[in-house]
Amino acid sequence: MLQKILIANRGEIARRIIRTCKRMGIRTVAVYSEADETALHVQDADEAVAIGPSQVQKSYLNVDAIMEAAKATGADAIHPGYGFLSENSDFARRCEEEGITFIGPRPEAITQMGSKIAARGIAKAAGVPIVPGTEEAVASAEEAVQMAHAIGYPVLLKASAGGGGIGMVVANTDEDIRQTFENAQKRVASYFGDGTLYLEKYFLHPRHIEIQVVADTHGQAVHLGERECSIQRRHQKVVEESPSPVVSPELRDKMGAAAMALAKRLKYTGVGTVEFILTGEHEFYFLEMNTRLQVEHPVTEEVFGIDLVEWQIRIANGEKMDSTLLSVTPSRHAIECRLYAEDPVRMLPSPGTMTRFDAPVMKGLRLEMGFREGDKITPFYDPMIGKIITAGSTREEARKRMVEALSMFSVEGIKTNLPLLTNILENEHFVRGETHTGFIDEYMK
C-alpha cells in the first residue's frame, strides 16, 4: 500500500482526502500558499509544506514547488483532488517521470478528454450520442456564424480546453456571435492558455445528468448510477442529487452503458464522470468526461455506502475492485448543496472574515467544510466554503432534512448563498423534481 500521499489541493477536498487516508493508515502531506498558512487542511495533515505566494499560479499551480514538496517529504503518491492540476496531463506525466504515483487516470486519458473537440470525436467513435455541433475548432466569428446556420440556433460557444462555464456563450442570432466571439476567445485563452472555441447546439431547459464510472487496472469497470446536477448558475453547479427523479431504470441502463463504452474506449482507470444532457424527450447526449473526482461525489457515496477516495487510492495502488464495489446497489437518496461566500442577490463572491460560523449536527447530515469561525475567505480562490449533504430513504426525506439543516446554519461576517439554497429546496418545482439548467434564472428572481 502507498505509504504517504501529498494532497495537491486545499480546502474541503484536501480535508476529505486526508480523512480517508487516516482511516487507511496512510500518512499525509498538505501543501499551502501564504493565504492558507493557518488553514484547516494544513492542521489536519501529518506534515505541511509551504509552496508559494497566495496567487494560484505561484502556489497550487506551481508544479515544480509541489514536486519539490513531495520529494522533500518522501511522499510516494500525489492526489490532486479536483480543479487546479487534477486534469493536467503534463502534471500526471511529471509524476510518472519522478517515480511518484499519480492518483488518477493515465496521462493519455486526461489528454484525450482534455480537448472537448477531441472528446466528442472519441465519444462518437465509441457509439455514444453527442450533441450536434462542429467537428473542428471555429477560427473566427464569421466561420461560427456559418456553422450556426448549419446547426440551427440557439448555439453554444464553448472552450475546447476547459469547462466550468468559462467563456461559454449562448448565441441566438448572428449578431450575438459577432459581438461575443472575440471576448469569449480572449477569456478562454487567459484561463486555459488555449483560446480554441467550438459550437454545439444549445438545448433549452435540458437536465444535466452524469454517470459515475470506476475502473481498475485489471480490466474491471463499473458504473454507479447517475447524479443530477441541473440546478446551476453561470454554468456552475449549485445543487446535486442522486438518483435523478426522472431517470428510469431503463434510461439508467442506457446512459450507464454509454458511459462504460467510452471508458472502455479510453482504457480508463480510476474514478471518472461522464456528463450528459437529457432533453425533455429523454434523449441524452454526451457533453464531456471529467477525469477526476467530482465536487459532488459525496451524493454517490451516500447512496451506495462507499468511499470513492479509498477506491481511487486502491486502484492507483494496483488493486482489483472487489464485490463491495462491483456488486454494490443504491439504498437511499442524497442531495448536496454547495455553500458559497457570495452575495445571494447578485451572486458574486463575498470575501471576508467569518466572524461566526455555527453548523448543525443532525441525523442524515454530512458536512464537508474547508473553513471555521474566524477564517478569512480570500479573493484568491473559489469562494466555496464547503458542501452540505443530506440523505434519506426517499427524495422527500432527504429534501426535508436539507431544508432543516440550512435553517440551522448561522454565518456572520460574510454573505452566503444560504437564502438561495433554501429557496431552491422549498420551490414547488424542485419538490416535484421539475429541475433543469435554467431553473435559477426562471424561478429564483
Protein backbone atom coordinates (compact mmCIF):
# COMPACT_ATOMS: atom_id res chain seq x y z
CA MET A 1 0.00 0.00 0.00
CA LEU A 2 1.06 3.56 -0.62
CA GLN A 3 2.74 4.95 2.49
CA LYS A 4 2.49 8.74 2.19
CA ILE A 5 0.24 10.85 -0.02
CA LEU A 6 0.71 14.52 -0.80
CA ILE A 7 -2.59 16.32 -1.47
CA ALA A 8 -2.04 18.95 -4.16
CA ASN A 9 -5.11 20.93 -3.18
CA ARG A 10 -6.73 22.93 -0.41
CA GLY A 11 -10.00 23.49 1.45
CA GLU A 12 -12.70 20.90 1.94
CA ILE A 13 -11.45 18.45 -0.69
CA ALA A 14 -7.97 18.31 0.85
CA ARG A 15 -9.57 17.62 4.24
CA ARG A 16 -11.83 14.99 2.67
CA ILE A 17 -8.86 13.11 1.18
CA ILE A 18 -6.86 13.37 4.40
CA ARG A 19 -9.74 11.82 6.35
CA THR A 20 -9.80 8.71 4.15
CA CYS A 21 -6.01 8.41 4.23
CA LYS A 22 -6.03 8.46 8.03
CA ARG A 23 -8.64 5.70 8.12
CA MET A 24 -6.47 3.65 5.76
CA GLY A 25 -3.33 4.24 7.83
CA ILE A 26 -1.64 6.36 5.16
CA ARG A 27 0.36 9.42 6.17
CA THR A 28 -0.49 12.72 4.50
CA VAL A 29 1.29 15.87 3.37
CA ALA A 30 -0.57 19.15 2.88
CA VAL A 31 0.70 21.99 0.72
CA TYR A 32 -0.31 25.57 1.29
CA SER A 33 0.06 29.10 -0.01
CA GLU A 34 0.73 32.17 2.11
CA ALA A 35 -3.02 32.81 2.29
CA ASP A 36 -3.63 29.29 3.65
CA GLU A 37 -0.90 29.12 6.29
CA THR A 38 -3.41 28.56 9.12
CA ALA A 39 -5.99 26.66 7.05
CA LEU A 40 -7.73 23.58 8.40
CA HIS A 41 -6.28 21.23 5.79
CA VAL A 42 -2.79 22.25 6.91
CA GLN A 43 -3.63 21.32 10.51
CA ASP A 44 -5.31 18.05 9.53
CA ALA A 45 -2.32 16.61 7.67
CA ASP A 46 0.65 14.83 9.25
CA GLU A 47 3.03 17.24 7.52
CA ALA A 48 2.63 20.52 5.67
CA VAL A 49 4.85 22.36 3.19
CA ALA A 50 4.63 25.98 2.04
CA ILE A 51 4.66 26.20 -1.75
CA GLY A 52 4.46 29.91 -2.55
CA PRO A 53 2.53 33.17 -2.52
CA SER A 54 -1.25 33.46 -2.42
CA GLN A 55 -1.66 33.74 -6.19
CA VAL A 56 -2.74 30.37 -7.53
CA GLN A 57 -0.26 30.37 -10.42
CA LYS A 58 2.58 30.73 -7.92
CA SER A 59 1.35 28.12 -5.47
CA TYR A 60 -1.30 25.49 -6.21
CA LEU A 61 -0.48 25.51 -9.92
CA ASN A 62 3.27 25.62 -9.31
CA VAL A 63 4.25 22.13 -10.45
CA ASP A 64 7.93 22.49 -9.52
CA ALA A 65 7.10 23.58 -5.97
CA ILE A 66 4.65 20.71 -5.50
CA MET A 67 7.12 18.14 -6.83
CA GLU A 68 9.83 19.52 -4.56
CA ALA A 69 7.47 19.20 -1.58
CA ALA A 70 6.72 15.58 -2.50
CA LYS A 71 10.41 14.73 -2.73
CA ALA A 72 11.34 16.58 0.45
CA THR A 73 8.71 14.73 2.49
CA GLY A 74 9.21 11.33 0.86
CA ALA A 75 5.66 11.17 -0.49
CA ASP A 76 5.22 8.21 -2.81
CA ALA A 77 1.93 9.45 -4.28
CA ILE A 78 0.05 12.66 -5.08
CA HIS A 79 -3.70 13.11 -5.00
CA PRO A 80 -4.75 16.20 -7.00
CA GLY A 81 -8.33 16.48 -5.71
CA TYR A 82 -10.40 18.42 -8.23
CA GLY A 83 -9.66 21.67 -10.05
CA PHE A 84 -6.09 23.02 -10.05
CA LEU A 85 -3.83 20.27 -11.51
CA SER A 86 -6.32 17.40 -11.38
CA GLU A 87 -6.85 17.25 -15.16
CA ASN A 88 -3.38 18.38 -16.19
CA SER A 89 -1.83 15.56 -18.21
CA ASP A 90 1.63 17.17 -18.06
CA PHE A 91 1.48 17.08 -14.26
CA ALA A 92 0.37 13.44 -14.26
CA ARG A 93 3.21 12.61 -16.64
CA ARG A 94 5.69 14.51 -14.48
CA CYS A 95 4.66 12.39 -11.50
CA GLU A 96 5.36 9.26 -13.54
CA GLU A 97 8.77 10.57 -14.56
CA GLU A 98 9.64 11.33 -10.92
CA GLY A 99 8.56 7.87 -9.77
CA ILE A 100 5.58 9.23 -7.82
CA THR A 101 2.16 7.61 -8.16
CA PHE A 102 -0.45 9.96 -9.59
CA ILE A 103 -3.83 9.10 -8.07
CA GLY A 104 -5.88 9.46 -11.21
CA PRO A 105 -6.12 8.09 -14.74
CA ARG A 106 -3.31 7.65 -17.22
CA PRO A 107 -1.97 10.92 -18.70
CA GLU A 108 -3.13 9.75 -22.13
CA ALA A 109 -6.76 9.54 -20.98
CA ILE A 110 -6.55 13.02 -19.45
CA THR A 111 -5.16 14.37 -22.72
CA GLN A 112 -7.84 12.68 -24.81
CA MET A 113 -10.67 14.08 -22.69
CA GLY A 114 -8.92 17.41 -22.06
CA SER A 115 -9.84 18.69 -25.50
CA LYS A 116 -13.61 18.89 -25.72
CA ILE A 117 -13.38 18.65 -29.51
CA ALA A 118 -11.25 15.50 -29.35
CA ALA A 119 -13.51 14.07 -26.64
CA ARG A 120 -16.56 14.47 -28.88
CA GLY A 121 -14.80 12.51 -31.61
CA ILE A 122 -13.81 9.70 -29.26
CA ALA A 123 -17.31 9.50 -27.80
CA LYS A 124 -18.80 9.33 -31.29
CA ALA A 125 -16.38 6.52 -32.23
CA ALA A 126 -17.47 4.66 -29.08
CA GLY A 127 -21.10 4.85 -30.21
CA VAL A 128 -22.06 7.46 -27.61
CA PRO A 129 -24.57 10.06 -28.86
CA ILE A 130 -23.03 13.54 -28.99
CA VAL A 131 -24.61 16.99 -29.11
CA PRO A 132 -24.87 18.27 -32.70
CA GLY A 133 -22.00 20.68 -33.28
CA THR A 134 -18.72 21.37 -35.04
CA GLU A 135 -16.18 18.62 -35.51
CA GLU A 136 -13.28 21.08 -35.61
CA ALA A 137 -12.28 24.34 -33.94
CA VAL A 138 -14.00 27.52 -35.12
CA ALA A 139 -11.42 30.17 -36.04
CA SER A 140 -13.49 33.31 -36.50
CA ALA A 141 -16.85 34.89 -35.78
CA GLU A 142 -17.89 34.64 -39.43
CA GLU A 143 -17.00 30.96 -39.56
CA ALA A 144 -19.02 30.47 -36.38
CA VAL A 145 -21.99 32.23 -37.98
CA GLN A 146 -21.85 29.89 -40.95
CA MET A 147 -21.67 26.83 -38.71
CA ALA A 148 -24.53 28.12 -36.55
CA HIS A 149 -26.73 28.25 -39.63
CA ALA A 150 -25.95 24.58 -40.30
CA ILE A 151 -26.57 23.55 -36.68
CA GLY A 152 -29.57 25.80 -36.07
CA TYR A 153 -29.96 28.46 -33.39
CA PRO A 154 -29.61 28.68 -30.46
CA VAL A 155 -25.99 27.56 -30.25
CA LEU A 156 -23.36 27.49 -27.54
CA LEU A 157 -19.82 28.80 -27.97
CA LYS A 158 -17.60 26.60 -25.80
CA ALA A 159 -13.96 26.31 -24.84
CA SER A 160 -12.23 23.20 -26.11
CA ALA A 161 -9.60 23.23 -23.36
CA GLY A 162 -11.71 23.60 -20.23
CA GLY A 163 -15.08 23.74 -18.52
CA GLY A 164 -16.80 25.36 -15.58
CA GLY A 165 -18.69 27.74 -17.84
CA ILE A 166 -15.55 29.77 -18.58
CA GLY A 167 -16.06 31.67 -21.82
CA MET A 168 -19.30 29.83 -22.52
CA VAL A 169 -21.74 31.96 -24.52
CA VAL A 170 -25.28 31.28 -25.70
CA ALA A 171 -25.99 32.82 -29.11
CA ASN A 172 -29.46 33.19 -30.58
CA THR A 173 -28.54 35.28 -33.64
CA ASP A 174 -25.66 36.04 -35.99
CA GLU A 175 -25.16 39.33 -34.17
CA ASP A 176 -24.81 37.55 -30.82
CA ILE A 177 -21.88 35.58 -32.21
CA ARG A 178 -20.24 38.60 -33.82
CA GLN A 179 -20.47 40.61 -30.58
CA THR A 180 -19.21 37.91 -28.21
CA PHE A 181 -16.82 35.69 -30.18
CA GLU A 182 -13.62 37.70 -29.70
CA ASN A 183 -14.18 38.35 -25.98
CA ALA A 184 -15.00 34.69 -25.38
CA GLN A 185 -11.84 33.66 -27.21
CA LYS A 186 -9.70 36.02 -25.12
CA ARG A 187 -11.25 34.91 -21.85
CA VAL A 188 -10.77 31.24 -22.65
CA ALA A 189 -7.14 31.86 -23.64
CA SER A 190 -6.43 33.70 -20.38
CA TYR A 191 -7.91 30.88 -18.25
CA PHE A 192 -6.67 27.80 -20.10
CA GLY A 193 -3.80 29.05 -22.23
CA ASP A 194 -5.76 27.95 -25.28
CA GLY A 195 -8.36 30.12 -26.99
CA THR A 196 -9.86 27.35 -29.12
CA LEU A 197 -13.66 27.52 -29.40
CA TYR A 198 -16.22 25.22 -30.95
CA LEU A 199 -20.01 25.27 -31.41
CA GLU A 200 -22.70 23.00 -30.02
CA LYS A 201 -26.46 23.02 -30.34
CA TYR A 202 -27.97 24.71 -27.29
CA PHE A 203 -30.97 22.89 -25.86
CA LEU A 204 -33.44 24.98 -23.90
CA HIS A 205 -34.01 23.75 -20.35
CA PRO A 206 -32.33 20.33 -20.54
CA ARG A 207 -31.32 18.35 -17.49
CA HIS A 208 -27.66 17.76 -16.63
CA ILE A 209 -27.10 14.09 -15.80
CA GLU A 210 -23.73 12.48 -15.09
CA ILE A 211 -22.68 8.87 -14.67
CA GLN A 212 -20.03 7.86 -12.13
CA VAL A 213 -17.59 5.28 -13.50
CA VAL A 214 -14.83 3.39 -11.71
CA ALA A 215 -12.29 1.15 -13.47
CA ASP A 216 -9.23 -0.70 -12.20
CA THR A 217 -6.00 -1.67 -13.94
CA HIS A 218 -7.17 -5.30 -14.31
CA GLY A 219 -9.90 -4.66 -16.88
CA GLN A 220 -12.78 -4.42 -14.44
CA ALA A 221 -15.18 -1.48 -14.58
CA VAL A 222 -18.49 -0.47 -13.08
CA HIS A 223 -20.84 2.49 -13.19
CA LEU A 224 -22.52 3.73 -10.01
CA GLY A 225 -25.69 5.22 -11.38
CA GLU A 226 -26.33 8.88 -12.03
CA ARG A 227 -26.23 12.24 -10.35
CA GLU A 228 -28.46 15.07 -11.47
CA CYS A 229 -26.69 18.44 -11.47
CA SER A 230 -29.24 20.53 -13.36
CA ILE A 231 -29.51 23.42 -10.93
CA GLN A 232 -26.69 25.74 -11.96
CA ARG A 233 -25.84 29.40 -12.14
CA ARG A 234 -23.46 30.68 -14.79
CA HIS A 235 -22.99 27.04 -15.86
CA GLN A 236 -21.65 26.09 -12.40
CA LYS A 237 -23.46 23.53 -10.27
CA VAL A 238 -25.23 24.60 -7.08
CA VAL A 239 -27.42 21.64 -6.05
CA GLU A 240 -26.82 17.99 -6.95
CA GLU A 241 -28.72 14.82 -6.14
CA SER A 242 -28.74 11.09 -6.71
CA PRO A 243 -30.64 9.36 -8.10
CA SER A 244 -32.31 11.70 -10.58
CA PRO A 245 -36.09 11.95 -10.09
CA VAL A 246 -36.66 11.41 -13.85
CA VAL A 247 -34.20 8.67 -14.77
CA SER A 248 -35.96 5.33 -15.13
CA PRO A 249 -34.15 2.00 -14.70
CA GLU A 250 -34.20 1.57 -18.49
CA LEU A 251 -32.74 5.02 -19.13
CA ARG A 252 -30.16 4.47 -16.40
CA ASP A 253 -29.05 1.26 -18.11
CA LYS A 254 -28.71 3.06 -21.46
CA MET A 255 -26.76 6.01 -20.06
CA GLY A 256 -24.62 3.70 -17.94
CA ALA A 257 -23.83 1.54 -20.97
CA ALA A 258 -22.82 4.63 -22.96
CA ALA A 259 -20.54 5.82 -20.16
CA MET A 260 -18.94 2.39 -19.88
CA ALA A 261 -18.42 2.23 -23.66
CA LEU A 262 -16.49 5.49 -23.51
CA ALA A 263 -14.43 4.33 -20.51
CA LYS A 264 -13.60 1.09 -22.34
CA ARG A 265 -12.61 3.00 -25.48
CA LEU A 266 -10.21 5.11 -23.38
CA LYS A 267 -8.87 2.12 -21.43
CA TYR A 268 -9.78 4.29 -18.46
CA THR A 269 -8.51 3.58 -14.95
CA GLY A 270 -9.59 5.21 -11.71
CA VAL A 271 -12.63 7.33 -10.93
CA GLY A 272 -14.23 9.45 -13.64
CA THR A 273 -17.53 11.04 -14.58
CA VAL A 274 -19.25 11.04 -17.96
CA GLU A 275 -21.58 14.02 -18.31
CA PHE A 276 -24.70 14.13 -20.47
CA ILE A 277 -27.55 16.48 -21.18
CA LEU A 278 -31.03 14.99 -21.12
CA THR A 279 -33.80 16.56 -23.20
CA GLY A 280 -37.47 16.71 -22.35
CA GLU A 281 -37.98 13.80 -24.74
CA HIS A 282 -35.48 11.76 -22.67
CA GLU A 283 -32.85 11.80 -25.38
CA PHE A 284 -29.34 12.07 -23.96
CA TYR A 285 -26.15 13.48 -25.47
CA PHE A 286 -22.52 13.38 -24.37
CA LEU A 287 -21.11 16.64 -23.00
CA GLU A 288 -17.69 15.77 -21.60
CA MET A 289 -15.80 13.41 -19.34
CA ASN A 290 -14.19 14.69 -16.16
CA THR A 291 -11.11 12.57 -15.49
CA ARG A 292 -11.06 13.23 -11.76
CA LEU A 293 -13.08 13.16 -8.58
CA GLN A 294 -16.16 15.39 -8.83
CA VAL A 295 -17.15 18.03 -6.28
CA GLU A 296 -20.48 16.21 -5.91
CA HIS A 297 -19.03 12.73 -5.32
CA PRO A 298 -20.46 12.57 -1.75
CA VAL A 299 -24.02 12.04 -3.01
CA THR A 300 -22.93 8.86 -4.79
CA GLU A 301 -21.05 7.77 -1.66
CA GLU A 302 -24.13 8.31 0.50
CA VAL A 303 -26.43 6.47 -1.92
CA PHE A 304 -24.13 3.46 -2.36
CA GLY A 305 -22.38 3.41 1.03
CA ILE A 306 -18.87 3.51 -0.43
CA ASP A 307 -15.74 5.66 -0.27
CA LEU A 308 -14.68 6.79 -3.74
CA VAL A 309 -11.43 8.31 -2.47
CA GLU A 310 -10.46 4.97 -0.96
CA TRP A 311 -11.07 3.28 -4.30
CA GLN A 312 -9.04 5.91 -6.11
CA ILE A 313 -6.15 5.08 -3.81
CA ARG A 314 -6.59 1.31 -4.06
CA ILE A 315 -6.77 1.40 -7.85
CA ALA A 316 -3.69 3.63 -8.03
CA ASN A 317 -2.01 1.03 -5.82
CA GLY A 318 -2.78 -1.64 -8.43
CA GLU A 319 -5.55 -3.40 -6.53
CA LYS A 320 -8.53 -5.15 -8.10
CA MET A 321 -12.04 -3.95 -7.41
CA ASP A 322 -13.93 -6.49 -5.31
CA SER A 323 -17.58 -7.36 -4.82
CA THR A 324 -18.10 -4.47 -2.40
CA LEU A 325 -17.86 -2.17 -5.41
CA LEU A 326 -18.67 -4.38 -8.39
CA SER A 327 -21.94 -5.58 -6.87
CA VAL A 328 -22.95 -2.57 -4.79
CA THR A 329 -26.54 -1.34 -5.13
CA PRO A 330 -28.15 2.01 -4.25
CA SER A 331 -30.01 2.14 -0.95
CA ARG A 332 -31.25 5.73 -0.49
CA HIS A 333 -31.45 9.27 -1.89
CA ALA A 334 -28.92 12.07 -1.29
CA ILE A 335 -28.80 15.81 -2.01
CA GLU A 336 -25.78 18.13 -1.93
CA CYS A 337 -25.80 21.91 -1.67
CA ARG A 338 -22.66 23.97 -2.26
CA LEU A 339 -22.23 26.67 0.36
CA TYR A 340 -20.58 29.74 -1.15
CA ALA A 341 -19.30 33.02 0.26
CA GLU A 342 -21.32 35.07 -2.16
CA ASP A 343 -23.96 37.76 -2.36
CA PRO A 344 -27.20 35.74 -2.78
CA VAL A 345 -28.82 38.50 -4.86
CA ARG A 346 -26.00 39.48 -7.22
CA MET A 347 -24.42 36.00 -6.99
CA LEU A 348 -20.94 37.49 -6.79
CA PRO A 349 -18.11 36.40 -4.43
CA SER A 350 -18.21 37.92 -0.94
CA PRO A 351 -14.73 37.58 0.57
CA GLY A 352 -14.10 38.48 4.18
CA THR A 353 -13.69 37.01 7.68
CA MET A 354 -16.31 34.64 9.05
CA THR A 355 -16.84 36.18 12.47
CA ARG A 356 -19.38 33.48 13.28
CA PHE A 357 -19.87 30.02 11.82
CA ASP A 358 -22.26 27.65 13.55
CA ALA A 359 -23.13 24.47 11.66
CA PRO A 360 -25.82 21.96 12.65
CA VAL A 361 -25.34 18.39 13.83
CA MET A 362 -28.21 16.09 12.97
CA LYS A 363 -29.15 12.64 11.67
CA GLY A 364 -28.67 12.14 7.95
CA LEU A 365 -26.39 15.19 7.59
CA ARG A 366 -22.82 15.16 6.25
CA LEU A 367 -20.70 18.30 6.16
CA GLU A 368 -17.56 18.80 4.08
CA MET A 369 -16.22 22.17 5.21
CA GLY A 370 -12.93 23.86 4.43
CA PHE A 371 -13.29 26.75 6.89
CA ARG A 372 -14.23 27.51 10.50
CA GLU A 373 -15.23 30.52 12.54
CA GLY A 374 -12.57 33.21 12.37
CA ASP A 375 -11.22 32.09 8.98
CA LYS A 376 -10.86 34.53 6.13
CA ILE A 377 -12.36 33.79 2.74
CA THR A 378 -9.86 35.34 0.36
CA PRO A 379 -10.40 36.58 -3.20
CA PHE A 380 -7.57 34.35 -4.46
CA TYR A 381 -9.58 31.13 -4.82
CA ASP A 382 -13.05 29.78 -5.48
CA PRO A 383 -15.41 31.13 -2.77
CA MET A 384 -16.91 27.74 -1.88
CA ILE A 385 -16.93 27.33 1.91
CA GLY A 386 -17.96 23.71 1.75
CA LYS A 387 -20.69 21.23 0.97
CA ILE A 388 -23.85 20.21 2.80
CA ILE A 389 -25.11 16.69 2.12
CA THR A 390 -28.29 15.09 3.40
CA ALA A 391 -29.55 11.58 2.83
CA GLY A 392 -32.82 9.76 3.41
CA SER A 393 -34.77 6.69 2.42
CA THR A 394 -36.69 8.85 -0.07
CA ARG A 395 -36.02 12.04 -2.02
CA GLU A 396 -38.55 13.93 0.09
CA GLU A 397 -36.91 12.81 3.33
CA ALA A 398 -33.51 13.98 2.04
CA ARG A 399 -35.04 17.27 0.86
CA LYS A 400 -36.75 17.99 4.20
CA ARG A 401 -33.52 17.24 6.05
CA MET A 402 -31.68 19.66 3.79
CA VAL A 403 -34.23 22.43 4.43
CA GLU A 404 -33.90 21.84 8.17
CA ALA A 405 -30.10 21.80 8.02
CA LEU A 406 -29.95 25.03 6.01
CA SER A 407 -32.18 26.77 8.56
CA MET A 408 -29.80 25.82 11.39
CA PHE A 409 -26.67 27.45 9.93
CA SER A 410 -25.54 30.74 11.41
CA VAL A 411 -22.88 32.61 9.43
CA GLU A 412 -21.77 36.19 10.07
CA GLY A 413 -19.07 38.48 8.70
CA ILE A 414 -19.65 37.44 5.09
CA LYS A 415 -22.64 36.99 2.83
CA THR A 416 -23.53 33.46 1.78
CA ASN A 417 -25.89 31.76 -0.66
CA LEU A 418 -27.87 30.11 2.17
CA PRO A 419 -31.07 32.07 1.27
CA LEU A 420 -30.77 30.97 -2.36
CA LEU A 421 -30.26 27.33 -1.37
CA THR A 422 -33.31 27.40 0.90
CA ASN A 423 -35.44 28.99 -1.81
CA ILE A 424 -34.37 26.31 -4.28
CA LEU A 425 -35.12 23.41 -1.93
CA GLU A 426 -38.53 24.83 -1.00
CA ASN A 427 -39.55 25.74 -4.55
CA GLU A 428 -42.60 23.76 -5.66
CA HIS A 429 -40.91 22.79 -8.92
CA PHE A 430 -37.91 21.35 -7.07
CA VAL A 431 -40.24 19.49 -4.73
CA ARG A 432 -41.86 17.87 -7.78
CA GLY A 433 -38.47 17.12 -9.35
CA GLU A 434 -39.05 19.55 -12.21
CA THR A 435 -35.48 20.79 -12.50
CA HIS A 436 -33.47 21.96 -15.48
CA THR A 437 -30.37 24.03 -16.22
CA GLY A 438 -32.39 27.25 -16.41
CA PHE A 439 -34.04 26.67 -13.02
CA ILE A 440 -32.39 29.54 -11.13
CA ASP A 441 -32.95 32.06 -13.91
CA GLU A 442 -36.60 31.06 -14.20
CA TYR A 443 -37.66 30.64 -10.60
CA MET A 444 -35.17 32.46 -8.36
CA LYS A 445 -35.82 36.07 -9.40
